[in-house]
Amino acid sequence: MLRYTMVFAKLSRRVNCKAAPDMGGLLDRLRGRPRIQPSRIRTVFNSHIGCHQDYFYKVIVNVMHRDDGMGEILMPKQHAENDAEKEFVLRLLADRIGAFFHSILMVGIFFVITEEETLANPHEMKKLCYNLGQQHSAYSRETFKLTYWDSFTLALLEELENRGGIPREDLRAWQALLHIISENMLAGYLDARSAMRQ
């Protein structure tokens, strides 16, 4: 990483410009990761998610239908005796997920107004996701399979695709955000699980 930083510093001096504020974006491109695009993410959230109360509920239902193991984790049988209670509990869970995404957007996606959009506080956003992963470890009775994280991420993206009318570039921006969230939540979850075993 130091090597890339030195190369970038040399290049920026050569073209007579100051160091770019988006060093993380440059490093992500060098590593082959997609870059966070705050304006696209905000557009997706405001236009297709935030105003639709049922988005996160549909994601949860799709995840539960796709995998019985996830269904048992998200909705243990002792929490609901009938369909109305089950829907009530799942909608509460969907509201909590929606609040988490809203907080992610408030912490990490506000950008500095310059010629180039930059992530205002990526460290805080990643830390928030990491901490939530640790919380998942604390209240889960059984270990989540690694595929559960991917299933949930995929369901979040599929629900947007199913709605239609969202430009491909916006979907890619949302996917990049979901990858960062999932990656950091999983890291927090695994670290907390490892610490509990010791």
Protein backbone atom coordinates (compact mmCIF):
# COMPACT_ATOMS: atom_id res chain seq x y z
CA MET A 1 0.00 0.00 0.00
CA LEU A 2 2.88 2.35 0.78
CA ARG A 3 4.20 1.72 -2.71
CA TYR A 4 0.90 2.82 -4.29
CA THR A 5 0.85 5.94 -2.11
CA MET A 6 4.37 6.89 -3.15
CA VAL A 7 3.55 6.33 -6.83
CA PHE A 8 0.43 8.48 -6.50
CA ALA A 9 2.39 11.25 -4.74
CA LYS A 10 4.98 11.25 -7.54
CA LEU A 11 2.28 11.37 -10.20
CA SER A 12 0.44 14.21 -8.48
CA ARG A 13 3.65 16.28 -8.27
CA ARG A 14 4.37 15.58 -11.92
CA VAL A 15 1.02 16.93 -13.06
CA ASN A 16 1.32 19.82 -10.58
CA CYS A 17 -1.71 19.05 -8.46
CA LYS A 18 -2.23 18.51 -4.77
CA ALA A 19 -2.95 15.04 -3.40
CA ALA A 20 -6.47 13.92 -4.18
CA PRO A 21 -8.88 13.82 -1.23
CA ASP A 22 -10.14 10.45 -2.46
CA MET A 23 -7.06 8.31 -1.76
CA GLY A 24 -9.37 5.48 -0.65
CA GLY A 25 -11.10 5.58 -4.03
CA LEU A 26 -7.77 5.33 -5.80
CA LEU A 27 -6.69 2.40 -3.65
CA ASP A 28 -10.01 0.66 -4.25
CA ARG A 29 -9.55 1.02 -8.01
CA LEU A 30 -6.00 -0.34 -7.75
CA ARG A 31 -7.32 -3.29 -5.75
CA GLY A 32 -10.11 -3.89 -8.25
CA ARG A 33 -12.93 -2.87 -5.91
CA PRO A 34 -15.75 -0.66 -7.12
CA ARG A 35 -15.72 2.90 -5.84
CA ILE A 36 -18.42 4.27 -3.56
CA GLN A 37 -20.58 6.78 -5.43
CA PRO A 38 -22.45 8.78 -2.78
CA SER A 39 -24.83 10.63 -5.09
CA ARG A 40 -25.95 7.42 -6.82
CA ILE A 41 -26.38 5.63 -3.49
CA ARG A 42 -28.38 8.53 -2.11
CA THR A 43 -30.56 8.54 -5.24
CA VAL A 44 -31.24 4.81 -4.94
CA PHE A 45 -32.09 5.10 -1.27
CA ASN A 46 -34.26 8.21 -1.57
CA SER A 47 -36.09 7.16 -4.75
CA HIS A 48 -36.44 3.41 -4.43
CA ILE A 49 -35.93 2.35 -0.81
CA GLY A 50 -36.53 5.07 1.78
CA CYS A 51 -39.98 6.00 0.50
CA HIS A 52 -41.11 2.36 0.16
CA GLN A 53 -41.96 0.97 3.58
CA ASP A 54 -42.10 -2.61 2.34
CA TYR A 55 -38.61 -2.85 0.79
CA PHE A 56 -36.82 -4.34 3.80
CA TYR A 57 -39.85 -6.47 4.72
CA LYS A 58 -39.84 -8.04 1.24
CA VAL A 59 -36.08 -8.64 1.52
CA ILE A 60 -36.55 -10.51 4.81
CA VAL A 61 -39.41 -12.60 3.43
CA ASN A 62 -37.36 -13.48 0.32
CA VAL A 63 -34.37 -14.50 2.44
CA MET A 64 -36.58 -16.69 4.62
CA HIS A 65 -38.16 -18.40 1.60
CA ARG A 66 -34.76 -18.98 0.04
CA ASP A 67 -33.18 -20.58 3.12
CA ASP A 68 -34.97 -22.31 6.00
CA GLY A 69 -31.93 -21.82 8.23
CA MET A 70 -32.17 -18.07 7.80
CA GLY A 71 -35.88 -18.29 8.45
CA GLU A 72 -35.24 -19.94 11.79
CA ILE A 73 -32.61 -17.36 12.73
CA LEU A 74 -34.74 -14.37 11.71
CA MET A 75 -38.01 -15.74 13.05
CA PRO A 76 -37.71 -18.34 15.79
CA LYS A 77 -41.01 -20.18 16.28
CA GLN A 78 -41.43 -19.01 19.89
CA HIS A 79 -41.84 -15.37 18.78
CA ALA A 80 -45.02 -15.78 16.74
CA GLU A 81 -47.97 -18.11 17.04
CA ASN A 82 -49.88 -17.07 13.92
CA ASP A 83 -49.33 -15.30 10.61
CA ALA A 84 -50.37 -11.87 11.92
CA GLU A 85 -47.84 -12.05 14.76
CA LYS A 86 -45.19 -13.34 12.37
CA GLU A 87 -45.78 -10.40 10.02
CA PHE A 88 -45.69 -7.97 12.95
CA VAL A 89 -42.32 -9.31 14.18
CA LEU A 90 -40.86 -9.32 10.67
CA ARG A 91 -42.01 -5.74 10.04
CA LEU A 92 -40.33 -4.66 13.30
CA LEU A 93 -37.15 -6.36 12.13
CA ALA A 94 -37.49 -4.65 8.73
CA ASP A 95 -37.86 -1.28 10.48
CA ARG A 96 -34.64 -1.92 12.43
CA ILE A 97 -32.79 -2.83 9.24
CA GLY A 98 -34.15 0.30 7.57
CA ALA A 99 -32.99 2.43 10.52
CA PHE A 100 -29.53 0.86 10.25
CA PHE A 101 -29.27 1.72 6.55
CA HIS A 102 -30.48 5.23 7.28
CA SER A 103 -27.75 5.63 9.91
CA ILE A 104 -25.16 4.25 7.45
CA LEU A 105 -26.19 6.88 4.94
CA MET A 106 -26.08 9.62 7.57
CA VAL A 107 -22.62 8.60 8.84
CA GLY A 108 -20.79 7.61 5.70
CA ILE A 109 -22.42 8.87 2.55
CA PHE A 110 -22.50 12.63 3.05
CA PHE A 111 -19.82 13.92 0.80
CA VAL A 112 -17.63 16.97 0.63
CA ILE A 113 -18.85 19.34 -2.05
CA THR A 114 -15.92 19.57 -4.44
CA GLU A 115 -15.41 18.76 -8.07
CA GLU A 116 -15.21 15.10 -7.14
CA GLU A 117 -17.51 13.34 -4.71
CA THR A 118 -15.71 11.76 -1.82
CA LEU A 119 -16.86 9.61 1.02
CA ALA A 120 -16.94 11.88 4.04
CA ASN A 121 -16.23 9.31 6.71
CA PRO A 122 -15.64 5.78 5.42
CA HIS A 123 -13.88 4.73 8.63
CA GLU A 124 -16.94 5.58 10.75
CA MET A 125 -19.24 3.78 8.33
CA LYS A 126 -17.08 0.64 8.40
CA LYS A 127 -16.82 0.84 12.19
CA LEU A 128 -20.60 1.06 12.49
CA CYS A 129 -20.98 -2.05 10.32
CA TYR A 130 -18.24 -3.89 12.25
CA ASN A 131 -19.96 -3.09 15.57
CA LEU A 132 -23.30 -4.32 14.25
CA GLY A 133 -21.62 -7.57 13.22
CA GLN A 134 -20.32 -7.94 16.77
CA GLN A 135 -23.85 -7.37 18.10
CA HIS A 136 -25.15 -10.11 15.81
CA SER A 137 -22.63 -12.45 17.38
CA ALA A 138 -23.74 -11.53 20.88
CA TYR A 139 -27.42 -12.30 20.39
CA SER A 140 -27.27 -15.20 17.94
CA ARG A 141 -27.67 -18.61 19.55
CA GLU A 142 -26.12 -20.48 16.68
CA THR A 143 -23.33 -19.60 14.30
CA PHE A 144 -24.41 -17.97 11.05
CA LYS A 145 -23.15 -19.79 8.01
CA LEU A 146 -20.94 -17.65 5.80
CA THR A 147 -23.46 -18.08 2.97
CA TYR A 148 -26.14 -16.31 5.05
CA TRP A 149 -24.34 -13.00 4.65
CA ASP A 150 -24.22 -13.43 0.88
CA SER A 151 -27.87 -14.50 0.74
CA PHE A 152 -28.96 -11.38 2.56
CA THR A 153 -26.81 -9.12 0.38
CA LEU A 154 -28.16 -10.78 -2.75
CA ALA A 155 -31.76 -10.39 -1.57
CA LEU A 156 -31.21 -6.66 -0.93
CA LEU A 157 -29.95 -6.23 -4.49
CA GLU A 158 -32.55 -8.50 -6.13
CA GLU A 159 -35.43 -6.62 -4.56
CA LEU A 160 -34.19 -3.43 -6.22
CA GLU A 161 -33.73 -5.18 -9.56
CA ASN A 162 -37.26 -6.60 -9.35
CA ARG A 163 -38.70 -3.11 -8.96
CA GLY A 164 -37.25 -2.11 -12.34
CA GLY A 165 -36.51 1.32 -13.69
CA ILE A 166 -33.22 1.70 -11.83
CA PRO A 167 -30.20 2.51 -14.01
CA ARG A 168 -27.51 -0.17 -14.06
CA GLU A 169 -24.89 2.30 -12.72
CA ASP A 170 -27.08 3.03 -9.69
CA LEU A 171 -27.48 -0.69 -9.02
CA ARG A 172 -23.70 -1.11 -9.18
CA ALA A 173 -23.22 1.75 -6.72
CA TRP A 174 -25.72 0.16 -4.33
CA GLN A 175 -24.00 -3.21 -4.75
CA ALA A 176 -20.62 -1.65 -3.85
CA LEU A 177 -22.15 -0.22 -0.66
CA LEU A 178 -23.74 -3.57 0.21
CA HIS A 179 -20.38 -5.27 -0.26
CA ILE A 180 -18.70 -2.89 2.20
CA ILE A 181 -21.50 -3.31 4.73
CA SER A 182 -21.49 -7.10 4.47
CA GLU A 183 -17.69 -7.37 4.54
CA ASN A 184 -17.36 -5.28 7.70
CA MET A 185 -20.34 -6.83 9.49
CA LEU A 186 -18.94 -10.29 8.78
CA ALA A 187 -15.51 -9.25 10.08
CA GLY A 188 -17.08 -7.95 13.31
CA TYR A 189 -19.20 -11.07 13.67
CA LEU A 190 -16.28 -13.47 13.16
CA ASP A 191 -13.98 -11.51 15.48
CA ALA A 192 -16.60 -11.51 18.25
CA ARG A 193 -17.25 -15.25 17.76
CA SER A 194 -13.54 -15.92 17.96
CA ALA A 195 -13.22 -13.84 21.14
CA MET A 196 -16.13 -15.72 22.77
CA ARG A 197 -14.44 -19.07 22.12
CA GLN A 198 -11.25 -17.98 23.86
